[in-house]
Amino acid sequence: MGRQVVELFYDVVSPYCWLGFEVLCRYRHVWNIDLHFRPVFLAGLFRDIGTKPPALLPKRGEYMTKDIKRMAKYYQVPLRTSEDAFQRIIRLSSLGAMRFITAAGMTQPQYLEPLSREFWISFWSQYEDISETEKILAVAKQAGLSSELAQKLLEMTSTPAVKNQLKETTDEAIKYGAFGMPAFVVRVNGEPQLFFGSDRIELLGSIIGEKWLGPVPSVPSPRM
């Protein structure tokens, strides 16, 4: 039996995406799966489907601040949050970062995992502004990219090819029925099945015949 492809649609602005990302990276070495990283622009997705970020709903935002702390501890991911965490999401755009990650995926896909992780660490562990060009380049360096490659990818972010690729991936997530992130897609009997949320990985595993062994089934991911 071939390996099951799991597509992970994500934006580094989302803390829940980071949780789902790390857990699936761990399970990639436990389950018989091929994990495909699919960077999207979450703000664009919300705009296109005509909805607001859940954190903008006062009571839900208040709950999510507490929920993320609990989830970060349970999933063993060094995610920090504060009372103004969701205001930062609204104030600081992830568009430049997601275009940079998209450019990497188009030309240097081996860097997708470490690059995405370093953006999350920068934004959610160190509370840095990943919309700044200098910070994007610093994150790239931390992920192991040479300064020459990072500069090349930065230049690519303004090209129609990269802009269109990010939009097409976001549109594809919407086509599958995504309304938020993270979103996971697997095919069962040839039909795509969408799962929403970092707390649905156990169910995803059940659908593809794999056993859930908790959030840390083996050694934690790098830099954890």
Protein backbone atom coordinates (compact mmCIF):
# COMPACT_ATOMS: atom_id res chain seq x y z
CA MET A 1 0.00 0.00 0.00
CA GLY A 2 1.35 3.41 -0.97
CA ARG A 3 1.95 6.27 1.40
CA GLN A 4 -1.07 8.47 2.13
CA VAL A 5 -0.63 12.08 1.04
CA VAL A 6 -1.63 14.63 3.68
CA GLU A 7 -1.84 18.24 2.52
CA LEU A 8 -1.34 20.87 5.22
CA PHE A 9 -2.74 24.31 4.36
CA TYR A 10 -1.33 26.92 6.74
CA ASP A 11 -0.33 30.52 7.43
CA VAL A 12 2.42 31.34 9.94
CA VAL A 13 0.26 34.08 11.45
CA SER A 14 -1.93 31.37 13.01
CA PRO A 15 -0.81 29.79 16.30
CA TYR A 16 -3.10 26.82 15.76
CA CYS A 17 -1.37 26.18 12.43
CA TRP A 18 1.93 25.92 14.27
CA LEU A 19 0.50 23.29 16.61
CA GLY A 20 -0.88 21.23 13.73
CA PHE A 21 2.32 21.66 11.74
CA GLU A 22 4.55 20.35 14.53
CA VAL A 23 2.33 17.39 15.32
CA LEU A 24 2.13 16.30 11.67
CA CYS A 25 5.90 16.74 11.29
CA ARG A 26 6.30 14.33 14.21
CA TYR A 27 3.76 11.86 12.83
CA ARG A 28 5.39 11.88 9.42
CA HIS A 29 7.96 9.56 11.01
CA VAL A 30 5.30 7.37 12.66
CA TRP A 31 2.44 7.11 10.16
CA ASN A 32 2.71 5.96 6.56
CA ILE A 33 2.17 9.45 5.15
CA ASP A 34 3.77 11.96 2.82
CA LEU A 35 3.28 15.46 4.23
CA HIS A 36 2.84 18.23 1.66
CA PHE A 37 3.18 21.82 2.90
CA ARG A 38 0.68 24.20 1.25
CA PRO A 39 1.24 27.85 2.29
CA VAL A 40 -1.82 30.10 2.02
CA PHE A 41 -2.70 33.70 2.92
CA LEU A 42 -5.23 33.43 5.74
CA ALA A 43 -6.40 37.06 5.61
CA GLY A 44 -7.11 36.59 1.90
CA LEU A 45 -9.10 33.45 2.63
CA PHE A 46 -11.23 35.26 5.22
CA ARG A 47 -11.78 38.12 2.77
CA ASP A 48 -12.75 35.84 -0.10
CA ILE A 49 -15.28 33.80 1.87
CA GLY A 50 -16.67 36.90 3.58
CA THR A 51 -15.94 36.13 7.21
CA LYS A 52 -13.99 37.68 10.07
CA PRO A 53 -11.07 36.16 12.01
CA PRO A 54 -12.54 34.31 15.02
CA ALA A 55 -10.32 36.26 17.42
CA LEU A 56 -12.24 39.44 16.54
CA LEU A 57 -15.28 38.02 18.29
CA PRO A 58 -14.71 39.34 21.86
CA LYS A 59 -15.73 36.30 23.89
CA ARG A 60 -14.09 33.86 21.50
CA GLY A 61 -10.89 35.91 21.44
CA GLU A 62 -10.82 35.88 25.23
CA TYR A 63 -11.23 32.10 25.23
CA MET A 64 -8.60 31.56 22.52
CA THR A 65 -5.96 33.42 24.54
CA LYS A 66 -6.39 30.88 27.34
CA ASP A 67 -6.84 27.96 24.99
CA ILE A 68 -3.56 28.59 23.18
CA LYS A 69 -1.62 28.49 26.44
CA ARG A 70 -3.12 25.11 27.29
CA MET A 71 -2.62 23.76 23.79
CA ALA A 72 1.00 24.95 23.60
CA LYS A 73 1.81 23.07 26.80
CA TYR A 74 -0.02 19.94 25.71
CA TYR A 75 1.54 19.92 22.24
CA GLN A 76 4.97 20.92 23.61
CA VAL A 77 5.41 23.87 21.25
CA PRO A 78 7.10 27.05 22.59
CA LEU A 79 4.20 29.30 21.67
CA ARG A 80 3.66 32.41 23.79
CA THR A 81 0.54 34.51 23.95
CA SER A 82 -0.63 37.68 25.66
CA GLU A 83 -3.66 39.91 25.91
CA ASP A 84 -2.66 41.76 22.73
CA ALA A 85 -1.69 38.65 20.76
CA PHE A 86 -4.61 38.81 18.37
CA GLN A 87 -4.26 42.54 17.86
CA ARG A 88 -0.78 41.76 16.56
CA ILE A 89 -2.30 39.36 14.04
CA ILE A 90 -4.57 42.11 12.75
CA ARG A 91 -1.87 44.77 12.80
CA LEU A 92 1.01 42.80 11.26
CA SER A 93 0.45 41.27 7.82
CA SER A 94 1.86 37.85 7.03
CA LEU A 95 1.59 38.43 3.27
CA GLY A 96 5.31 39.06 2.74
CA ALA A 97 6.26 36.03 4.82
CA MET A 98 3.80 33.74 3.04
CA ARG A 99 5.00 34.93 -0.37
CA PHE A 100 8.58 34.26 0.76
CA ILE A 101 7.62 30.75 1.90
CA THR A 102 5.75 30.23 -1.38
CA ALA A 103 8.83 31.28 -3.36
CA ALA A 104 10.89 28.77 -1.35
CA GLY A 105 8.36 26.05 -2.07
CA MET A 106 8.54 26.77 -5.80
CA THR A 107 12.35 26.67 -6.01
CA GLN A 108 13.83 25.17 -2.81
CA PRO A 109 11.12 22.96 -1.26
CA GLN A 110 13.59 21.33 1.14
CA TYR A 111 13.55 24.59 3.11
CA LEU A 112 9.76 24.71 3.56
CA GLU A 113 9.71 22.97 6.93
CA PRO A 114 12.59 24.82 8.67
CA LEU A 115 11.61 28.15 7.13
CA SER A 116 7.99 27.90 8.21
CA ARG A 117 9.04 26.84 11.70
CA GLU A 118 11.43 29.79 12.06
CA PHE A 119 8.69 32.24 11.06
CA TRP A 120 6.44 30.82 13.77
CA ILE A 121 9.24 30.99 16.32
CA SER A 122 9.95 34.60 15.35
CA PHE A 123 6.30 35.68 15.50
CA TRP A 124 4.91 33.50 18.30
CA SER A 125 7.92 32.78 20.53
CA GLN A 126 9.96 35.96 20.16
CA TYR A 127 7.13 38.38 19.30
CA GLU A 128 8.97 39.89 16.32
CA ASP A 129 7.52 41.74 13.35
CA ILE A 130 7.73 39.29 10.44
CA SER A 131 6.32 41.88 8.05
CA GLU A 132 9.70 43.66 8.03
CA THR A 133 12.08 42.80 5.19
CA GLU A 134 15.06 42.66 7.54
CA LYS A 135 13.26 40.19 9.79
CA ILE A 136 12.28 37.99 6.85
CA LEU A 137 15.94 37.78 5.85
CA ALA A 138 16.96 37.07 9.46
CA VAL A 139 14.42 34.26 9.69
CA ALA A 140 15.72 32.82 6.42
CA LYS A 141 19.26 32.83 7.80
CA GLN A 142 18.09 31.08 10.97
CA ALA A 143 16.45 28.42 8.78
CA GLY A 144 19.76 27.72 7.05
CA LEU A 145 19.37 29.68 3.83
CA SER A 146 22.38 31.51 2.45
CA SER A 147 22.14 35.29 2.17
CA GLU A 148 22.26 34.95 -1.63
CA LEU A 149 19.37 32.50 -1.72
CA ALA A 150 17.35 34.56 0.75
CA GLN A 151 17.83 37.66 -1.37
CA LYS A 152 16.78 35.77 -4.49
CA LEU A 153 13.60 34.53 -2.80
CA LEU A 154 12.87 38.03 -1.51
CA GLU A 155 13.07 39.38 -5.05
CA MET A 156 10.76 36.61 -6.22
CA THR A 157 8.03 37.70 -3.78
CA SER A 158 7.13 40.66 -6.00
CA THR A 159 6.76 38.55 -9.16
CA PRO A 160 3.38 37.56 -10.63
CA ALA A 161 4.41 33.89 -10.50
CA VAL A 162 4.75 33.87 -6.71
CA LYS A 163 1.75 36.11 -6.09
CA ASN A 164 -0.41 33.91 -8.32
CA GLN A 165 0.86 30.70 -6.72
CA LEU A 166 -0.06 31.89 -3.22
CA LYS A 167 -3.50 32.99 -4.42
CA GLU A 168 -4.07 29.72 -6.26
CA THR A 169 -3.18 27.68 -3.18
CA THR A 170 -5.49 29.83 -1.05
CA ASP A 171 -8.26 29.38 -3.64
CA GLU A 172 -7.63 25.63 -3.64
CA ALA A 173 -8.09 25.50 0.13
CA ILE A 174 -11.38 27.37 -0.26
CA LYS A 175 -12.44 24.94 -2.99
CA TYR A 176 -11.91 22.07 -0.55
CA GLY A 177 -14.20 23.89 1.89
CA ALA A 178 -11.64 25.53 4.19
CA PHE A 179 -12.93 28.42 6.31
CA GLY A 180 -9.93 28.74 8.62
CA MET A 181 -6.50 27.31 9.33
CA PRO A 182 -4.96 24.84 9.75
CA ALA A 183 -6.77 22.73 7.16
CA PHE A 184 -5.73 19.20 6.27
CA VAL A 185 -6.80 17.32 3.15
CA VAL A 186 -6.47 13.58 2.55
CA ARG A 187 -8.07 11.44 -0.13
CA VAL A 188 -10.23 8.52 0.87
CA ASN A 189 -11.29 6.25 -2.00
CA GLY A 190 -10.13 9.00 -4.32
CA GLU A 191 -12.30 11.68 -2.71
CA PRO A 192 -10.74 14.63 -0.84
CA GLN A 193 -11.63 14.88 2.84
CA LEU A 194 -11.13 18.17 4.70
CA PHE A 195 -10.24 18.38 8.40
CA PHE A 196 -10.11 21.71 10.21
CA GLY A 197 -8.11 22.45 13.34
CA SER A 198 -5.01 21.16 15.11
CA ASP A 199 -7.27 19.05 17.36
CA ARG A 200 -8.55 16.96 14.44
CA ILE A 201 -5.32 15.09 13.67
CA GLU A 202 -6.47 12.13 15.75
CA LEU A 203 -9.61 11.88 13.61
CA LEU A 204 -7.57 12.30 10.42
CA GLY A 205 -5.42 9.37 11.50
CA SER A 206 -8.46 7.23 12.16
CA ILE A 207 -9.82 7.92 8.67
CA ILE A 208 -6.57 6.74 7.03
CA GLY A 209 -6.18 3.74 9.33
CA GLU A 210 -3.43 5.12 11.58
CA LYS A 211 -3.27 5.13 15.38
CA TRP A 212 -3.07 8.30 17.48
CA LEU A 213 -0.24 8.12 20.00
CA GLY A 214 -0.60 11.54 21.59
CA PRO A 215 0.85 14.90 20.55
CA VAL A 216 4.49 13.78 20.94
CA PRO A 217 4.72 10.21 19.58
CA SER A 218 8.49 10.37 19.21
CA VAL A 219 11.24 12.96 19.62
CA PRO A 220 10.08 16.59 19.30
CA SER A 221 10.74 18.51 16.11
CA PRO A 222 13.98 20.51 15.66
CA ARG A 223 14.43 23.67 17.74
CA MET A 224 11.64 22.67 20.07
